[in-house]
Amino acid sequence: MLLLLGSERLNALAGAHWRSFSSQNYFDTRGTFAGILWCGPLVLLLTAMLTGFLWRAGKLLVRVWSEACAACVAADTRRVRSQVRVKRLQARKGRRAHGGEAGDAGGEGAGGEGAGGAAATRDSSDAARKTARRKRS
């Protein structure tokens, strides 16, 4: 910072004595040469620092968002699994209360017992359900 503040005086001094160390007068009255000589490297350094800062900030932002999204997905997964468990328990309770599988119509058609051995089919499926219940118990 002090070099930047003193660059105008340094430019004026070098402009007065340029023949002792140079073959051309680079030092104008506005201090353009000294400004480029001193400020150019600083601007490049600050640009590199800013680029590095933005790169790190972007990587951090991506990491934070990915962790937040992972937490949301995990919470949604837990919620869905919980809902599935509740539905399964309700279905089991419903089957136990009705004495059979939920949604079982008993095999009867619109005509009562039905024709073509519908009663026999129903009796065999009832026996299969009873056997399955005994195995589960």
C-alpha atoms as a PDB file:
ATOM      1  CA  MET A   1       0.000   0.000   0.000  1.00  0.00           C
ATOM      2  CA  LEU A   2       2.828   2.369   0.840  1.00  0.00           C
ATOM      3  CA  LEU A   3       4.459   1.596  -2.491  1.00  0.00           C
ATOM      4  CA  LEU A   4       1.281   2.630  -4.284  1.00  0.00           C
ATOM      5  CA  LEU A   5       1.078   5.870  -2.326  1.00  0.00           C
ATOM      6  CA  GLY A   6       4.740   6.661  -3.031  1.00  0.00           C
ATOM      7  CA  SER A   7       4.658   5.618  -6.673  1.00  0.00           C
ATOM      8  CA  GLU A   8       3.841   9.149  -7.887  1.00  0.00           C
ATOM      9  CA  ARG A   9       6.899  10.633  -6.183  1.00  0.00           C
ATOM     10  CA  LEU A  10       9.041   7.718  -7.318  1.00  0.00           C
ATOM     11  CA  ASN A  11       7.813   8.269 -10.907  1.00  0.00           C
ATOM     12  CA  ALA A  12       8.662  11.984 -10.741  1.00  0.00           C
ATOM     13  CA  LEU A  13      12.141  11.243  -9.346  1.00  0.00           C
ATOM     14  CA  ALA A  14      12.836   8.585 -11.997  1.00  0.00           C
ATOM     15  CA  GLY A  15      11.509  10.941 -14.718  1.00  0.00           C
ATOM     16  CA  ALA A  16      14.047  13.596 -13.649  1.00  0.00           C
ATOM     17  CA  HIS A  17      17.030  11.191 -13.628  1.00  0.00           C
ATOM     18  CA  TRP A  18      16.155   8.664 -16.354  1.00  0.00           C
ATOM     19  CA  ARG A  19      19.421   9.215 -18.324  1.00  0.00           C
ATOM     20  CA  SER A  20      21.513   7.732 -15.515  1.00  0.00           C
ATOM     21  CA  PHE A  21      19.859   4.268 -15.664  1.00  0.00           C
ATOM     22  CA  SER A  22      17.902   4.052 -18.969  1.00  0.00           C
ATOM     23  CA  SER A  23      18.200   4.812 -22.674  1.00  0.00           C
ATOM     24  CA  GLN A  24      14.540   5.981 -22.994  1.00  0.00           C
ATOM     25  CA  ASN A  25      12.275   8.063 -20.775  1.00  0.00           C
ATOM     26  CA  TYR A  26       9.469   5.723 -19.641  1.00  0.00           C
ATOM     27  CA  PHE A  27       8.287   7.985 -16.851  1.00  0.00           C
ATOM     28  CA  ASP A  28       5.477  10.310 -17.937  1.00  0.00           C
ATOM     29  CA  THR A  29       3.896  12.986 -15.773  1.00  0.00           C
ATOM     30  CA  ARG A  30       0.749  10.916 -15.073  1.00  0.00           C
ATOM     31  CA  GLY A  31       2.720   7.949 -13.719  1.00  0.00           C
ATOM     32  CA  THR A  32       1.380   5.310 -16.111  1.00  0.00           C
ATOM     33  CA  PHE A  33       4.628   3.327 -16.273  1.00  0.00           C
ATOM     34  CA  ALA A  34       5.085   3.268 -12.509  1.00  0.00           C
ATOM     35  CA  GLY A  35       1.433   2.359 -12.024  1.00  0.00           C
ATOM     36  CA  ILE A  36       1.736  -0.582 -14.409  1.00  0.00           C
ATOM     37  CA  LEU A  37       5.087  -1.603 -12.915  1.00  0.00           C
ATOM     38  CA  TRP A  38       3.751  -1.607  -9.331  1.00  0.00           C
ATOM     39  CA  CYS A  39       0.039  -2.314  -9.753  1.00  0.00           C
ATOM     40  CA  GLY A  40       0.200  -4.920 -12.524  1.00  0.00           C
ATOM     41  CA  PRO A  41       1.684  -7.703 -10.378  1.00  0.00           C
ATOM     42  CA  LEU A  42      -0.634  -6.785  -7.488  1.00  0.00           C
ATOM     43  CA  VAL A  43      -3.692  -6.940  -9.738  1.00  0.00           C
ATOM     44  CA  LEU A  44      -2.601 -10.346 -11.057  1.00  0.00           C
ATOM     45  CA  LEU A  45      -2.000 -11.601  -7.512  1.00  0.00           C
ATOM     46  CA  LEU A  46      -5.378 -10.323  -6.303  1.00  0.00           C
ATOM     47  CA  THR A  47      -7.106 -11.870  -9.336  1.00  0.00           C
ATOM     48  CA  ALA A  48      -5.527 -15.241  -8.531  1.00  0.00           C
ATOM     49  CA  MET A  49      -6.555 -14.909  -4.880  1.00  0.00           C
ATOM     50  CA  LEU A  50     -10.124 -13.990  -5.828  1.00  0.00           C
ATOM     51  CA  THR A  51     -10.327 -16.911  -8.264  1.00  0.00           C
ATOM     52  CA  GLY A  52      -9.107 -19.299  -5.563  1.00  0.00           C
ATOM     53  CA  PHE A  53     -11.595 -17.898  -3.063  1.00  0.00           C
ATOM     54  CA  LEU A  54     -14.508 -18.256  -5.484  1.00  0.00           C
ATOM     55  CA  TRP A  55     -13.416 -21.799  -6.384  1.00  0.00           C
ATOM     56  CA  ARG A  56     -13.319 -22.854  -2.708  1.00  0.00           C
ATOM     57  CA  ALA A  57     -16.616 -21.119  -1.965  1.00  0.00           C
ATOM     58  CA  GLY A  58     -18.244 -22.930  -4.900  1.00  0.00           C
ATOM     59  CA  LYS A  59     -16.930 -26.313  -3.750  1.00  0.00           C
ATOM     60  CA  LEU A  60     -18.144 -25.618  -0.211  1.00  0.00           C
ATOM     61  CA  LEU A  61     -21.557 -24.594  -1.508  1.00  0.00           C
ATOM     62  CA  VAL A  62     -21.840 -27.802  -3.530  1.00  0.00           C
ATOM     63  CA  ARG A  63     -20.827 -29.879  -0.500  1.00  0.00           C
ATOM     64  CA  VAL A  64     -23.310 -28.158   1.806  1.00  0.00           C
ATOM     65  CA  TRP A  65     -26.160 -28.515  -0.688  1.00  0.00           C
ATOM     66  CA  SER A  66     -25.363 -32.163  -1.391  1.00  0.00           C
ATOM     67  CA  GLU A  67     -25.330 -32.933   2.350  1.00  0.00           C
ATOM     68  CA  ALA A  68     -28.601 -31.044   2.798  1.00  0.00           C
ATOM     69  CA  CYS A  69     -30.181 -32.929  -0.108  1.00  0.00           C
ATOM     70  CA  ALA A  70     -28.901 -36.236   1.280  1.00  0.00           C
ATOM     71  CA  ALA A  71     -30.478 -35.389   4.636  1.00  0.00           C
ATOM     72  CA  CYS A  72     -33.784 -34.560   2.908  1.00  0.00           C
ATOM     73  CA  VAL A  73     -33.702 -37.805   0.949  1.00  0.00           C
ATOM     74  CA  ALA A  74     -32.939 -39.767   4.123  1.00  0.00           C
ATOM     75  CA  ALA A  75     -35.821 -38.076   5.945  1.00  0.00           C
ATOM     76  CA  ASP A  76     -38.182 -38.790   3.039  1.00  0.00           C
ATOM     77  CA  THR A  77     -37.023 -42.404   2.952  1.00  0.00           C
ATOM     78  CA  ARG A  78     -37.661 -42.789   6.688  1.00  0.00           C
ATOM     79  CA  ARG A  79     -41.101 -41.210   6.288  1.00  0.00           C
ATOM     80  CA  VAL A  80     -42.035 -43.487   3.392  1.00  0.00           C
ATOM     81  CA  ARG A  81     -40.774 -46.589   5.207  1.00  0.00           C
ATOM     82  CA  SER A  82     -42.781 -45.594   8.250  1.00  0.00           C
ATOM     83  CA  GLN A  83     -45.910 -45.168   6.139  1.00  0.00           C
ATOM     84  CA  VAL A  84     -45.345 -48.571   4.526  1.00  0.00           C
ATOM     85  CA  ARG A  85     -44.964 -50.187   7.970  1.00  0.00           C
ATOM     86  CA  VAL A  86     -48.191 -48.584   9.152  1.00  0.00           C
ATOM     87  CA  LYS A  87     -50.072 -49.768   6.067  1.00  0.00           C
ATOM     88  CA  ARG A  88     -48.740 -53.306   6.498  1.00  0.00           C
ATOM     89  CA  LEU A  89     -49.800 -53.371  10.151  1.00  0.00           C
ATOM     90  CA  GLN A  90     -53.237 -52.058   9.239  1.00  0.00           C
ATOM     91  CA  ALA A  91     -53.557 -54.709   6.532  1.00  0.00           C
ATOM     92  CA  ARG A  92     -52.555 -57.463   8.972  1.00  0.00           C
ATOM     93  CA  LYS A  93     -55.049 -56.221  11.547  1.00  0.00           C
ATOM     94  CA  GLY A  94     -57.738 -56.102   8.860  1.00  0.00           C
ATOM     95  CA  ARG A  95     -57.006 -59.683   7.790  1.00  0.00           C
ATOM     96  CA  ARG A  96     -57.107 -60.924  11.369  1.00  0.00           C
ATOM     97  CA  ALA A  97     -60.370 -59.105  12.054  1.00  0.00           C
ATOM     98  CA  HIS A  98     -62.038 -60.569   8.940  1.00  0.00           C
ATOM     99  CA  GLY A  99     -60.585 -64.038   9.358  1.00  0.00           C
ATOM    100  CA  GLY A 100     -58.884 -64.152   5.980  1.00  0.00           C
ATOM    101  CA  GLU A 101     -57.097 -62.241   3.316  1.00  0.00           C
ATOM    102  CA  ALA A 102     -58.115 -58.612   2.836  1.00  0.00           C
ATOM    103  CA  GLY A 103     -60.229 -58.097  -0.272  1.00  0.00           C
ATOM    104  CA  ASP A 104     -61.247 -61.779  -0.566  1.00  0.00           C
ATOM    105  CA  ALA A 105     -64.742 -62.055  -2.061  1.00  0.00           C
ATOM    106  CA  GLY A 106     -65.189 -65.741  -1.293  1.00  0.00           C
ATOM    107  CA  GLY A 107     -65.319 -66.789  -4.937  1.00  0.00           C
ATOM    108  CA  GLU A 108     -69.050 -66.240  -5.419  1.00  0.00           C
ATOM    109  CA  GLY A 109     -70.249 -64.766  -8.654  1.00  0.00           C
ATOM    110  CA  ALA A 110     -73.434 -62.876  -9.416  1.00  0.00           C
ATOM    111  CA  GLY A 111     -75.521 -66.051  -9.386  1.00  0.00           C
ATOM    112  CA  GLY A 112     -74.983 -67.159  -5.782  1.00  0.00           C
ATOM    113  CA  GLU A 113     -73.077 -70.430  -5.672  1.00  0.00           C
ATOM    114  CA  GLY A 114     -72.313 -70.233  -9.360  1.00  0.00           C
ATOM    115  CA  ALA A 115     -72.085 -73.023 -11.841  1.00  0.00           C
ATOM    116  CA  GLY A 116     -69.282 -75.286 -12.937  1.00  0.00           C
ATOM    117  CA  GLY A 117     -67.829 -76.118  -9.520  1.00  0.00           C
ATOM    118  CA  ALA A 118     -67.457 -72.645  -8.016  1.00  0.00           C
ATOM    119  CA  ALA A 119     -68.381 -73.997  -4.584  1.00  0.00           C
ATOM    120  CA  ALA A 120     -65.707 -76.672  -4.828  1.00  0.00           C
ATOM    121  CA  THR A 121     -63.121 -74.071  -5.793  1.00  0.00           C
ATOM    122  CA  ARG A 122     -64.109 -71.920  -2.846  1.00  0.00           C
ATOM    123  CA  ASP A 123     -63.865 -74.874  -0.448  1.00  0.00           C
ATOM    124  CA  SER A 124     -60.368 -75.778  -1.696  1.00  0.00           C
ATOM    125  CA  SER A 125     -59.159 -72.164  -1.401  1.00  0.00           C
ATOM    126  CA  ASP A 126     -60.590 -71.970   2.170  1.00  0.00           C
ATOM    127  CA  ALA A 127     -58.691 -75.141   3.071  1.00  0.00           C
ATOM    128  CA  ALA A 128     -55.476 -73.709   1.570  1.00  0.00           C
ATOM    129  CA  ARG A 129     -55.873 -70.520   3.631  1.00  0.00           C
ATOM    130  CA  LYS A 130     -56.412 -72.481   6.834  1.00  0.00           C
ATOM    131  CA  THR A 131     -53.301 -74.555   6.152  1.00  0.00           C
ATOM    132  CA  ALA A 132     -51.266 -71.402   5.517  1.00  0.00           C
ATOM    133  CA  ARG A 133     -52.495 -69.848   8.788  1.00  0.00           C
ATOM    134  CA  ARG A 134     -51.489 -72.948  10.738  1.00  0.00           C
ATOM    135  CA  LYS A 135     -47.984 -72.805   9.255  1.00  0.00           C
ATOM    136  CA  ARG A 136     -47.616 -69.115  10.198  1.00  0.00           C
ATOM    137  CA  SER A 137     -48.716 -69.749  13.803  1.00  0.00           C
END
